[in-house]
Amino acid sequence: MLESRKFLVKEKVKFLAAHATYEIYDGETQKRTGTAEEEIGVFVRMMRWLISKQLMPTRVEIRETPDNALVFTVSRGWYLFRSRVEIRDAQGVLVGYLKSKLFSFGGGFLVYDAKDQQFADVKGNLFGFKYRVLTPDGGFEMGKVSKEWGGLAKELFTSADSYMIEVHEDLHEQPIAKMLVLAAALAVDMIFKSEKKGGISGLIGE
């Protein structure tokens, strides 16, 4: 999966579901390369019908096809005011983490490596679903996320999303850096977005 430079992510439509599942495709060949699925316990699933999911923990497993092997995980504990989202490899070793910004008009968050050094600044756009993954000084764009049109009926009557993640070609031989960029991009929709809107739809928050 990490060999790709572009990733097309499509949310699977599930009515009355307390967790979300996404399919991941190579953005250039359109070949399905993996999945991103929220894995939470029965208790958390039940509580989501009573308490906003933005306050509760979540864990997303990113697996590649066809062997369903775990690539990395993205997880967040109980959330109050400022979340910390951890990224771990298939062996459970911390690769980095994300922290939401205290003040962000366009949406966004910060990315750190396992040594607590800032790796990237994810900046959003006030209008539309567009995010840029920049180096801390803002001088280099490591990746970007943009919304893909999923069809009128799908957009109006479901919470399903489709979006494209593009990683800069300079990161092609840097799997850890690419993992951090991909995790940050997935977190835009699956974790951070849900922190803003709450409820059952969505996965990650800003």
N, C-alpha and C. Protein backbone atom coordinates (compact mmCIF):
# COMPACT_ATOMS: atom_id res chain seq x y z
N MET A 1 0.81 -1.21 0.00
CA MET A 1 0.00 0.00 0.00
C MET A 1 0.85 1.27 0.00
N LEU A 2 1.88 1.28 0.83
CA LEU A 2 2.69 2.49 0.97
C LEU A 2 3.55 2.77 -0.26
N GLU A 3 3.52 1.87 -1.25
CA GLU A 3 4.24 2.14 -2.49
C GLU A 3 3.52 3.19 -3.34
N SER A 4 2.23 3.37 -3.10
CA SER A 4 1.45 4.33 -3.89
C SER A 4 1.82 5.76 -3.54
N ARG A 5 1.57 6.66 -4.47
CA ARG A 5 1.77 8.09 -4.22
C ARG A 5 0.45 8.83 -4.08
N LYS A 6 -0.60 8.28 -4.73
CA LYS A 6 -1.93 8.85 -4.61
C LYS A 6 -2.88 7.79 -4.06
N PHE A 7 -3.74 8.21 -3.15
CA PHE A 7 -4.68 7.30 -2.51
C PHE A 7 -6.10 7.85 -2.65
N LEU A 8 -6.98 7.06 -3.22
CA LEU A 8 -8.39 7.42 -3.29
C LEU A 8 -9.10 6.69 -2.16
N VAL A 9 -9.73 7.43 -1.26
CA VAL A 9 -10.38 6.86 -0.09
C VAL A 9 -11.88 7.03 -0.22
N LYS A 10 -12.61 5.91 -0.14
CA LYS A 10 -14.07 5.94 -0.28
C LYS A 10 -14.73 5.33 0.95
N GLU A 11 -15.62 6.09 1.57
CA GLU A 11 -16.35 5.57 2.72
C GLU A 11 -17.45 4.62 2.26
N LYS A 12 -17.54 3.47 2.92
CA LYS A 12 -18.61 2.52 2.63
C LYS A 12 -19.88 2.98 3.33
N VAL A 13 -20.96 3.06 2.58
CA VAL A 13 -22.23 3.54 3.14
C VAL A 13 -22.81 2.48 4.06
N LYS A 14 -23.04 2.88 5.32
CA LYS A 14 -23.65 1.99 6.30
C LYS A 14 -24.70 2.77 7.07
N PHE A 15 -25.94 2.41 6.88
CA PHE A 15 -27.02 3.09 7.59
C PHE A 15 -27.12 2.55 9.01
N LEU A 16 -27.32 3.48 9.97
CA LEU A 16 -27.47 3.14 11.39
C LEU A 16 -26.27 2.36 11.91
N ALA A 17 -25.09 2.72 11.44
CA ALA A 17 -23.87 2.07 11.91
C ALA A 17 -23.16 2.98 12.91
N ALA A 18 -22.58 2.38 13.95
CA ALA A 18 -21.89 3.14 14.98
C ALA A 18 -20.39 3.24 14.71
N HIS A 19 -19.93 2.72 13.59
CA HIS A 19 -18.53 2.85 13.23
C HIS A 19 -18.43 2.95 11.71
N ALA A 20 -17.29 3.38 11.23
CA ALA A 20 -17.14 3.63 9.79
C ALA A 20 -16.06 2.75 9.18
N THR A 21 -16.22 2.47 7.89
CA THR A 21 -15.26 1.69 7.13
C THR A 21 -14.96 2.40 5.82
N TYR A 22 -13.69 2.45 5.45
CA TYR A 22 -13.27 3.08 4.21
C TYR A 22 -12.50 2.08 3.36
N GLU A 23 -12.65 2.19 2.06
CA GLU A 23 -11.85 1.41 1.13
C GLU A 23 -10.80 2.33 0.52
N ILE A 24 -9.58 1.82 0.35
CA ILE A 24 -8.47 2.63 -0.15
C ILE A 24 -8.03 2.07 -1.50
N TYR A 25 -7.88 2.97 -2.47
CA TYR A 25 -7.48 2.58 -3.83
C TYR A 25 -6.23 3.35 -4.22
N ASP A 26 -5.44 2.76 -5.10
CA ASP A 26 -4.35 3.49 -5.70
C ASP A 26 -4.96 4.57 -6.59
N GLY A 27 -4.61 5.82 -6.33
CA GLY A 27 -5.24 6.92 -7.05
C GLY A 27 -4.90 6.99 -8.52
N GLU A 28 -3.89 6.26 -8.95
CA GLU A 28 -3.49 6.29 -10.36
C GLU A 28 -3.98 5.06 -11.12
N THR A 29 -3.91 3.88 -10.49
CA THR A 29 -4.34 2.65 -11.18
C THR A 29 -5.78 2.28 -10.87
N GLN A 30 -6.37 2.91 -9.81
CA GLN A 30 -7.73 2.61 -9.36
C GLN A 30 -7.85 1.20 -8.76
N LYS A 31 -6.73 0.57 -8.49
CA LYS A 31 -6.73 -0.77 -7.89
C LYS A 31 -6.92 -0.65 -6.39
N ARG A 32 -7.80 -1.49 -5.83
CA ARG A 32 -8.04 -1.48 -4.38
C ARG A 32 -6.82 -2.01 -3.66
N THR A 33 -6.29 -1.21 -2.72
CA THR A 33 -5.05 -1.59 -2.04
C THR A 33 -5.21 -1.82 -0.55
N GLY A 34 -6.34 -1.41 0.03
CA GLY A 34 -6.49 -1.61 1.47
C GLY A 34 -7.80 -1.08 2.02
N THR A 35 -7.89 -1.11 3.35
CA THR A 35 -9.07 -0.63 4.05
C THR A 35 -8.64 0.16 5.28
N ALA A 36 -9.51 1.03 5.72
CA ALA A 36 -9.33 1.74 6.99
C ALA A 36 -10.65 1.57 7.74
N GLU A 37 -10.60 0.84 8.84
CA GLU A 37 -11.84 0.53 9.56
C GLU A 37 -11.68 0.81 11.05
N GLU A 38 -12.70 1.42 11.59
CA GLU A 38 -12.72 1.72 13.01
C GLU A 38 -12.99 0.43 13.78
N GLU A 39 -12.12 0.14 14.75
CA GLU A 39 -12.27 -1.06 15.58
C GLU A 39 -12.48 -0.61 17.02
N ILE A 40 -13.71 -0.71 17.49
CA ILE A 40 -14.03 -0.30 18.85
C ILE A 40 -14.84 -1.39 19.53
N GLY A 41 -14.82 -1.40 20.84
CA GLY A 41 -15.51 -2.42 21.60
C GLY A 41 -17.02 -2.24 21.61
N VAL A 42 -17.72 -3.27 22.09
CA VAL A 42 -19.18 -3.25 22.15
C VAL A 42 -19.67 -2.13 23.05
N PHE A 43 -18.99 -1.91 24.18
CA PHE A 43 -19.42 -0.87 25.11
C PHE A 43 -19.39 0.51 24.46
N VAL A 44 -18.28 0.81 23.76
CA VAL A 44 -18.15 2.12 23.11
C VAL A 44 -19.20 2.27 22.01
N ARG A 45 -19.46 1.20 21.27
CA ARG A 45 -20.47 1.26 20.21
C ARG A 45 -21.84 1.58 20.79
N MET A 46 -22.17 0.94 21.91
CA MET A 46 -23.46 1.19 22.53
C MET A 46 -23.55 2.61 23.07
N MET A 47 -22.47 3.08 23.68
CA MET A 47 -22.49 4.41 24.28
C MET A 47 -22.59 5.51 23.24
N ARG A 48 -22.16 5.22 22.00
CA ARG A 48 -22.24 6.23 20.95
C ARG A 48 -23.66 6.62 20.59
N TRP A 49 -24.62 5.77 20.91
CA TRP A 49 -26.01 6.10 20.66
C TRP A 49 -26.55 7.05 21.72
N LEU A 50 -25.77 7.20 22.81
CA LEU A 50 -26.21 8.05 23.93
C LEU A 50 -25.32 9.27 24.12
N ILE A 51 -24.04 9.12 23.81
CA ILE A 51 -23.06 10.19 24.02
C ILE A 51 -22.38 10.51 22.70
N SER A 52 -22.11 11.78 22.47
CA SER A 52 -21.45 12.19 21.24
C SER A 52 -20.13 11.44 21.07
N LYS A 53 -19.89 10.90 19.88
CA LYS A 53 -18.69 10.11 19.63
C LYS A 53 -17.42 10.94 19.74
N GLN A 54 -17.55 12.27 19.65
CA GLN A 54 -16.38 13.12 19.75
C GLN A 54 -15.75 13.08 21.14
N LEU A 55 -16.49 12.61 22.13
CA LEU A 55 -15.97 12.53 23.49
C LEU A 55 -15.39 11.17 23.81
N MET A 56 -15.50 10.21 22.91
CA MET A 56 -15.15 8.84 23.19
C MET A 56 -13.93 8.39 22.40
N PRO A 57 -13.24 7.35 22.90
CA PRO A 57 -12.03 6.87 22.21
C PRO A 57 -12.35 6.17 20.90
N THR A 58 -11.36 6.10 20.02
CA THR A 58 -11.53 5.40 18.76
C THR A 58 -10.18 4.82 18.32
N ARG A 59 -10.24 3.77 17.53
CA ARG A 59 -9.03 3.15 16.99
C ARG A 59 -9.32 2.72 15.56
N VAL A 60 -8.49 3.17 14.64
CA VAL A 60 -8.67 2.85 13.23
C VAL A 60 -7.52 1.96 12.77
N GLU A 61 -7.84 0.83 12.14
CA GLU A 61 -6.83 -0.07 11.62
C GLU A 61 -6.74 0.10 10.11
N ILE A 62 -5.54 0.33 9.61
CA ILE A 62 -5.31 0.44 8.17
C ILE A 62 -4.64 -0.86 7.72
N ARG A 63 -5.31 -1.61 6.86
CA ARG A 63 -4.82 -2.91 6.40
C ARG A 63 -4.73 -2.90 4.88
N GLU A 64 -3.78 -3.69 4.36
CA GLU A 64 -3.61 -3.76 2.92
C GLU A 64 -4.17 -5.06 2.37
N THR A 65 -4.59 -5.01 1.13
CA THR A 65 -5.12 -6.18 0.46
C THR A 65 -4.03 -6.79 -0.44
N PRO A 66 -4.12 -8.10 -0.75
CA PRO A 66 -5.25 -8.99 -0.46
C PRO A 66 -5.11 -9.78 0.83
N ASP A 67 -3.97 -9.68 1.53
CA ASP A 67 -3.75 -10.53 2.70
C ASP A 67 -4.30 -9.95 4.00
N ASN A 68 -4.85 -8.74 3.94
CA ASN A 68 -5.45 -8.09 5.12
C ASN A 68 -4.42 -7.84 6.22
N ALA A 69 -3.17 -7.68 5.85
CA ALA A 69 -2.10 -7.44 6.82
C ALA A 69 -2.20 -6.02 7.38
N LEU A 70 -1.98 -5.90 8.68
CA LEU A 70 -2.02 -4.60 9.34
C LEU A 70 -0.82 -3.77 8.91
N VAL A 71 -1.06 -2.52 8.51
CA VAL A 71 0.02 -1.61 8.10
C VAL A 71 0.33 -0.64 9.24
N PHE A 72 -0.69 0.03 9.76
CA PHE A 72 -0.53 0.89 10.93
C PHE A 72 -1.89 1.18 11.53
N THR A 73 -1.89 1.76 12.71
CA THR A 73 -3.14 2.12 13.39
C THR A 73 -3.12 3.60 13.75
N VAL A 74 -4.30 4.17 13.85
CA VAL A 74 -4.49 5.55 14.28
C VAL A 74 -5.51 5.51 15.42
N SER A 75 -5.14 6.03 16.58
CA SER A 75 -6.04 5.91 17.73
C SER A 75 -6.07 7.18 18.56
N ARG A 76 -7.19 7.38 19.22
CA ARG A 76 -7.38 8.54 20.10
C ARG A 76 -8.06 8.07 21.37
N GLY A 77 -7.63 8.61 22.51
CA GLY A 77 -8.26 8.28 23.79
C GLY A 77 -9.48 9.16 24.03
N TRP A 78 -9.91 9.23 25.27
CA TRP A 78 -11.05 10.08 25.62
C TRP A 78 -10.70 11.52 25.30
N TYR A 79 -11.67 12.24 24.71
CA TYR A 79 -11.42 13.58 24.18
C TYR A 79 -12.21 14.62 24.96
N LEU A 80 -11.52 15.71 25.35
CA LEU A 80 -12.21 16.81 26.00
C LEU A 80 -12.02 18.10 25.19
N PHE A 81 -10.83 18.67 25.25
CA PHE A 81 -10.63 19.96 24.61
C PHE A 81 -9.59 19.91 23.47
N ARG A 82 -8.54 19.12 23.65
CA ARG A 82 -7.49 19.06 22.65
C ARG A 82 -7.02 17.61 22.52
N SER A 83 -7.26 17.00 21.38
CA SER A 83 -6.97 15.58 21.27
C SER A 83 -5.54 15.29 20.87
N ARG A 84 -5.08 14.10 21.28
CA ARG A 84 -3.80 13.54 20.84
C ARG A 84 -4.12 12.23 20.14
N VAL A 85 -3.75 12.15 18.89
CA VAL A 85 -4.04 10.97 18.07
C VAL A 85 -2.72 10.27 17.78
N GLU A 86 -2.58 9.02 18.20
CA GLU A 86 -1.32 8.29 18.06
C GLU A 86 -1.30 7.42 16.81
N ILE A 87 -0.15 7.36 16.17
CA ILE A 87 0.07 6.53 14.99
C ILE A 87 1.09 5.46 15.35
N ARG A 88 0.73 4.19 15.20
CA ARG A 88 1.63 3.08 15.55
C ARG A 88 1.75 2.14 14.36
N ASP A 89 2.93 1.55 14.20
CA ASP A 89 3.13 0.62 13.11
C ASP A 89 2.50 -0.73 13.41
N ALA A 90 2.71 -1.70 12.53
CA ALA A 90 2.05 -3.01 12.68
C ALA A 90 2.50 -3.74 13.95
N GLN A 91 3.67 -3.40 14.47
CA GLN A 91 4.17 -4.02 15.70
C GLN A 91 3.76 -3.26 16.96
N GLY A 92 3.01 -2.18 16.78
CA GLY A 92 2.56 -1.40 17.92
C GLY A 92 3.54 -0.34 18.39
N VAL A 93 4.60 -0.13 17.64
CA VAL A 93 5.61 0.88 18.00
C VAL A 93 5.13 2.27 17.58
N LEU A 94 5.24 3.23 18.48
CA LEU A 94 4.81 4.59 18.18
C LEU A 94 5.65 5.18 17.06
N VAL A 95 4.99 5.66 16.01
CA VAL A 95 5.65 6.30 14.88
C VAL A 95 5.56 7.81 14.99
N GLY A 96 4.44 8.28 15.52
CA GLY A 96 4.22 9.71 15.67
C GLY A 96 2.84 9.97 16.24
N TYR A 97 2.49 11.24 16.34
CA TYR A 97 1.17 11.58 16.87
C TYR A 97 0.70 12.92 16.31
N LEU A 98 -0.60 13.15 16.41
CA LEU A 98 -1.24 14.36 15.92
C LEU A 98 -1.84 15.11 17.10
N LYS A 99 -1.77 16.42 17.06
CA LYS A 99 -2.39 17.24 18.11
C LYS A 99 -3.20 18.33 17.45
N SER A 100 -4.45 18.46 17.88
CA SER A 100 -5.30 19.51 17.33
C SER A 100 -4.82 20.87 17.81
N LYS A 101 -5.06 21.88 16.98
CA LYS A 101 -4.66 23.24 17.33
C LYS A 101 -5.69 23.87 18.25
N LEU A 102 -5.21 24.71 19.12
CA LEU A 102 -6.13 25.40 20.03
C LEU A 102 -7.03 26.36 19.26
N PHE A 103 -6.47 27.04 18.28
CA PHE A 103 -7.23 27.98 17.48
C PHE A 103 -6.90 27.75 16.00
N SER A 104 -7.93 27.41 15.21
CA SER A 104 -7.72 27.18 13.79
C SER A 104 -9.01 27.49 13.04
N PHE A 105 -9.01 28.59 12.28
CA PHE A 105 -10.22 28.99 11.58
C PHE A 105 -10.54 28.07 10.41
N GLY A 106 -9.50 27.60 9.71
CA GLY A 106 -9.74 26.74 8.55
C GLY A 106 -9.71 25.27 8.87
N GLY A 107 -9.41 24.92 10.12
CA GLY A 107 -9.28 23.52 10.48
C GLY A 107 -7.85 23.06 10.24
N GLY A 108 -7.35 22.20 11.07
CA GLY A 108 -6.00 21.71 10.91
C GLY A 108 -5.45 21.21 12.23
N PHE A 109 -4.24 20.66 12.18
CA PHE A 109 -3.60 20.12 13.37
C PHE A 109 -2.11 19.97 13.11
N LEU A 110 -1.37 19.59 14.13
CA LEU A 110 0.07 19.45 14.04
C LEU A 110 0.46 17.98 14.07
N VAL A 111 1.54 17.63 13.36
CA VAL A 111 2.03 16.26 13.30
C VAL A 111 3.42 16.21 13.92
N TYR A 112 3.64 15.26 14.84
CA TYR A 112 4.93 15.08 15.51
C TYR A 112 5.44 13.68 15.26
N ASP A 113 6.78 13.52 15.27
CA ASP A 113 7.34 12.18 15.15
C ASP A 113 7.45 11.55 16.53
N ALA A 114 8.02 10.34 16.61
CA ALA A 114 8.10 9.62 17.87
C ALA A 114 9.04 10.29 18.88
N LYS A 115 9.89 11.20 18.39
CA LYS A 115 10.83 11.90 19.27
C LYS A 115 10.31 13.27 19.68
N ASP A 116 9.02 13.51 19.48
CA ASP A 116 8.36 14.77 19.86
C ASP A 116 8.84 15.96 19.04
N GLN A 117 9.41 15.70 17.87
CA GLN A 117 9.80 16.77 16.97
C GLN A 117 8.67 17.01 15.98
N GLN A 118 8.31 18.29 15.76
CA GLN A 118 7.23 18.56 14.82
C GLN A 118 7.64 18.14 13.42
N PHE A 119 6.79 17.35 12.79
CA PHE A 119 7.05 16.83 11.46
C PHE A 119 6.31 17.62 10.39
N ALA A 120 5.08 18.03 10.72
CA ALA A 120 4.27 18.72 9.71
C ALA A 120 3.21 19.58 10.36
N ASP A 121 2.68 20.48 9.56
CA ASP A 121 1.56 21.34 9.93
C ASP A 121 0.47 21.11 8.89
N VAL A 122 -0.67 20.59 9.33
CA VAL A 122 -1.79 20.34 8.41
C VAL A 122 -2.73 21.53 8.47
N LYS A 123 -2.90 22.19 7.33
CA LYS A 123 -3.72 23.40 7.26
C LYS A 123 -4.93 23.16 6.39
N GLY A 124 -6.09 23.61 6.88
CA GLY A 124 -7.33 23.45 6.14
C GLY A 124 -7.75 24.71 5.44
N ASN A 125 -8.88 24.59 4.74
CA ASN A 125 -9.45 25.69 3.98
C ASN A 125 -10.84 25.98 4.53
N LEU A 126 -11.15 27.24 4.72
CA LEU A 126 -12.47 27.61 5.23
C LEU A 126 -13.59 27.17 4.29
N PHE A 127 -13.28 27.09 3.00
CA PHE A 127 -14.30 26.76 2.01
C PHE A 127 -13.93 25.46 1.31
N GLY A 128 -14.70 24.43 1.55
CA GLY A 128 -14.45 23.15 0.90
C GLY A 128 -13.52 22.26 1.70
N PHE A 129 -13.47 21.00 1.29
CA PHE A 129 -12.67 19.99 1.96
C PHE A 129 -11.29 19.93 1.31
N LYS A 130 -10.40 20.85 1.70
CA LYS A 130 -9.06 20.90 1.15
C LYS A 130 -8.06 21.12 2.28
N TYR A 131 -7.05 20.25 2.34
CA TYR A 131 -6.03 20.34 3.37
C TYR A 131 -4.65 20.17 2.75
N ARG A 132 -3.67 20.87 3.32
CA ARG A 132 -2.29 20.77 2.86
C ARG A 132 -1.42 20.31 4.03
N VAL A 133 -0.54 19.35 3.75
CA VAL A 133 0.40 18.85 4.74
C VAL A 133 1.74 19.50 4.46
N LEU A 134 2.13 20.45 5.30
CA LEU A 134 3.32 21.27 5.07
C LEU A 134 4.40 20.97 6.09
N THR A 135 5.65 21.23 5.72
CA THR A 135 6.73 21.19 6.69
C THR A 135 6.48 22.29 7.72
N PRO A 136 7.06 22.15 8.94
CA PRO A 136 6.79 23.14 9.99
C PRO A 136 7.01 24.59 9.59
N ASP A 137 7.98 24.82 8.69
CA ASP A 137 8.24 26.21 8.25
C ASP A 137 7.32 26.64 7.11
N GLY A 138 6.48 25.71 6.63
CA GLY A 138 5.55 26.03 5.56
C GLY A 138 6.16 26.12 4.18
N GLY A 139 7.44 25.76 4.05
CA GLY A 139 8.12 25.94 2.77
C GLY A 139 7.98 24.80 1.79
N PHE A 140 7.48 23.64 2.24
CA PHE A 140 7.40 22.48 1.35
C PHE A 140 6.10 21.73 1.60
N GLU A 141 5.38 21.43 0.53
CA GLU A 141 4.11 20.70 0.64
C GLU A 141 4.39 19.20 0.49
N MET A 142 4.26 18.45 1.59
CA MET A 142 4.51 17.02 1.57
C MET A 142 3.32 16.22 1.05
N GLY A 143 2.14 16.80 1.16
CA GLY A 143 0.94 16.10 0.69
C GLY A 143 -0.27 17.02 0.75
N LYS A 144 -1.35 16.55 0.15
CA LYS A 144 -2.59 17.32 0.18
C LYS A 144 -3.79 16.39 0.12
N VAL A 145 -4.91 16.89 0.61
CA VAL A 145 -6.16 16.12 0.66
C VAL A 145 -7.25 16.96 0.03
N SER A 146 -8.02 16.37 -0.88
CA SER A 146 -9.11 17.10 -1.52
C SER A 146 -10.33 16.20 -1.66
N LYS A 147 -11.51 16.78 -1.60
CA LYS A 147 -12.75 16.05 -1.67
C LYS A 147 -13.03 15.59 -3.09
N GLU A 148 -13.54 14.36 -3.22
CA GLU A 148 -13.95 13.82 -4.50
C GLU A 148 -15.47 13.77 -4.55
N TRP A 149 -16.06 14.09 -5.70
CA TRP A 149 -17.51 14.07 -5.88
C TRP A 149 -18.02 12.63 -5.86
N GLY A 150 -19.00 12.33 -5.01
CA GLY A 150 -19.49 10.96 -4.90
C GLY A 150 -20.86 10.74 -5.50
N GLY A 151 -21.41 11.74 -6.17
CA GLY A 151 -22.74 11.59 -6.75
C GLY A 151 -23.76 12.32 -5.90
N LEU A 152 -24.77 12.92 -6.54
CA LEU A 152 -25.73 13.77 -5.85
C LEU A 152 -26.48 13.03 -4.75
N ALA A 153 -27.04 11.86 -5.05
CA ALA A 153 -27.82 11.14 -4.04
C ALA A 153 -26.95 10.75 -2.85
N LYS A 154 -25.74 10.31 -3.14
CA LYS A 154 -24.84 9.89 -2.07
C LYS A 154 -24.45 11.07 -1.19
N GLU A 155 -24.21 12.22 -1.81
CA GLU A 155 -23.80 13.39 -1.06
C GLU A 155 -24.93 13.96 -0.21
N LEU A 156 -26.16 13.92 -0.73
CA LEU A 156 -27.28 14.54 -0.04
C LEU A 156 -27.88 13.67 1.05
N PHE A 157 -27.92 12.37 0.84
CA PHE A 157 -28.67 11.52 1.75
C PHE A 157 -27.82 10.59 2.61
N THR A 158 -26.52 10.63 2.49
CA THR A 158 -25.66 9.84 3.35
C THR A 158 -24.52 10.71 3.84
N SER A 159 -23.78 10.19 4.84
CA SER A 159 -22.61 10.90 5.35
C SER A 159 -21.33 10.40 4.69
N ALA A 160 -21.46 9.57 3.65
CA ALA A 160 -20.29 8.95 3.03
C ALA A 160 -19.44 10.00 2.32
N ASP A 161 -18.14 9.80 2.39
CA ASP A 161 -17.18 10.72 1.79
C ASP A 161 -16.26 9.97 0.84
N SER A 162 -15.75 10.68 -0.14
CA SER A 162 -14.68 10.19 -1.00
C SER A 162 -13.67 11.31 -1.14
N TYR A 163 -12.40 11.01 -0.98
CA TYR A 163 -11.41 12.06 -1.12
C TYR A 163 -10.08 11.48 -1.59
N MET A 164 -9.26 12.35 -2.17
CA MET A 164 -7.98 11.97 -2.73
C MET A 164 -6.85 12.49 -1.84
N ILE A 165 -5.89 11.61 -1.56
CA ILE A 165 -4.69 11.96 -0.81
C ILE A 165 -3.51 11.86 -1.77
N GLU A 166 -2.75 12.94 -1.88
CA GLU A 166 -1.57 12.94 -2.75
C GLU A 166 -0.33 13.20 -1.90
N VAL A 167 0.65 12.31 -2.02
CA VAL A 167 1.91 12.44 -1.28
C VAL A 167 3.00 12.87 -2.26
N HIS A 168 3.82 13.83 -1.86
CA HIS A 168 4.86 14.33 -2.76
C HIS A 168 5.84 13.22 -3.13
N GLU A 169 6.27 13.23 -4.37
CA GLU A 169 7.16 12.18 -4.88
C GLU A 169 8.49 12.12 -4.14
N ASP A 170 8.91 13.20 -3.49
CA ASP A 170 10.18 13.19 -2.75
C ASP A 170 10.13 12.26 -1.54
N LEU A 171 8.93 11.87 -1.10
CA LEU A 171 8.78 10.98 0.06
C LEU A 171 8.66 9.52 -0.35
N HIS A 172 8.85 9.23 -1.64
CA HIS A 172 8.62 7.88 -2.14
C HIS A 172 9.47 6.84 -1.43
N GLU A 173 10.72 7.17 -1.11
CA GLU A 173 11.63 6.23 -0.46
C GLU A 173 11.70 6.43 1.05
N GLN A 174 10.70 7.12 1.62
CA GLN A 174 10.67 7.37 3.06
C GLN A 174 9.36 6.83 3.63
N PRO A 175 9.29 5.52 3.93
CA PRO A 175 8.03 4.90 4.36
C PRO A 175 7.46 5.49 5.65
N ILE A 176 8.32 5.86 6.60
CA ILE A 176 7.81 6.44 7.85
C ILE A 176 7.18 7.80 7.59
N ALA A 177 7.87 8.62 6.78
CA ALA A 177 7.32 9.93 6.44
C ALA A 177 6.01 9.78 5.69
N LYS A 178 5.96 8.83 4.75
CA LYS A 178 4.74 8.62 3.99
C LYS A 178 3.62 8.12 4.90
N MET A 179 3.95 7.27 5.88
CA MET A 179 2.95 6.78 6.83
C MET A 179 2.36 7.93 7.64
N LEU A 180 3.21 8.86 8.07
CA LEU A 180 2.74 10.00 8.85
C LEU A 180 1.83 10.89 8.01
N VAL A 181 2.20 11.13 6.76
CA VAL A 181 1.37 11.95 5.89
C VAL A 181 0.03 11.27 5.62
N LEU A 182 0.07 9.97 5.32
CA LEU A 182 -1.17 9.24 5.05
C LEU A 182 -2.05 9.18 6.29
N ALA A 183 -1.47 8.94 7.45
CA ALA A 183 -2.24 8.91 8.69
C ALA A 183 -2.87 10.26 8.99
N ALA A 184 -2.11 11.33 8.76
CA ALA A 184 -2.64 12.67 8.99
C ALA A 184 -3.80 12.95 8.06
N ALA A 185 -3.67 12.53 6.81
CA ALA A 185 -4.74 12.77 5.83
C ALA A 185 -5.99 11.97 6.19
N LEU A 186 -5.82 10.70 6.59
CA LEU A 186 -6.97 9.90 7.00
C LEU A 186 -7.63 10.49 8.24
N ALA A 187 -6.81 11.03 9.14
CA ALA A 187 -7.34 11.60 10.37
C ALA A 187 -8.19 12.84 10.14
N VAL A 188 -7.93 13.55 9.04
CA VAL A 188 -8.75 14.72 8.72
C VAL A 188 -10.22 14.35 8.72
N ASP A 189 -10.55 13.26 8.05
CA ASP A 189 -11.96 12.86 7.92
C ASP A 189 -12.40 11.94 9.04
N MET A 190 -11.57 10.97 9.41
CA MET A 190 -12.02 9.92 10.31
C MET A 190 -12.01 10.31 11.78
N ILE A 191 -11.21 11.30 12.17
CA ILE A 191 -11.14 11.68 13.58
C ILE A 191 -11.48 13.14 13.79
N PHE A 192 -10.73 14.03 13.17
CA PHE A 192 -10.88 15.45 13.47
C PHE A 192 -12.20 16.04 12.99
N LYS A 193 -12.71 15.58 11.86
CA LYS A 193 -13.98 16.12 11.37
C LYS A 193 -15.11 15.79 12.33
N SER A 194 -15.10 14.59 12.91
CA SER A 194 -16.17 14.21 13.81
C SER A 194 -16.12 14.98 15.12
N GLU A 195 -14.94 15.48 15.50
CA GLU A 195 -14.85 16.29 16.70
C GLU A 195 -15.62 17.60 16.53
N LYS A 196 -15.71 18.06 15.26
CA LYS A 196 -16.42 19.31 15.01
C LYS A 196 -17.92 19.11 14.91
N LYS A 197 -18.34 17.99 14.28
CA LYS A 197 -19.78 17.83 14.06
C LYS A 197 -20.43 16.87 15.03
N GLY A 198 -19.61 16.01 15.71
CA GLY A 198 -20.18 15.08 16.68
C GLY A 198 -21.06 14.05 16.01
N GLY A 199 -21.84 13.33 16.82
CA GLY A 199 -22.78 12.35 16.27
C GLY A 199 -22.09 11.10 15.79
N ILE A 200 -22.84 10.26 15.05
CA ILE A 200 -22.35 8.98 14.63
C ILE A 200 -21.58 9.06 13.33
N SER A 201 -21.93 9.96 12.44
CA SER A 201 -21.26 10.02 11.15
C SER A 201 -19.85 10.55 11.29
N GLY A 202 -18.97 10.11 10.42
CA GLY A 202 -17.59 10.54 10.42
C GLY A 202 -16.73 9.65 11.29
N LEU A 203 -15.37 9.87 11.23
CA LEU A 203 -14.49 9.03 12.01
C LEU A 203 -13.46 9.82 12.80
N ILE A 204 -12.77 10.72 12.16
CA ILE A 204 -11.66 11.36 12.83
C ILE A 204 -11.91 12.86 12.98
N GLY A 205 -11.30 13.55 13.87
CA GLY A 205 -11.61 14.93 14.10
C GLY A 205 -10.49 15.90 13.84
N GLU A 206 -10.79 17.21 13.86
CA GLU A 206 -9.76 18.24 13.65
C GLU A 206 -9.47 18.90 14.96
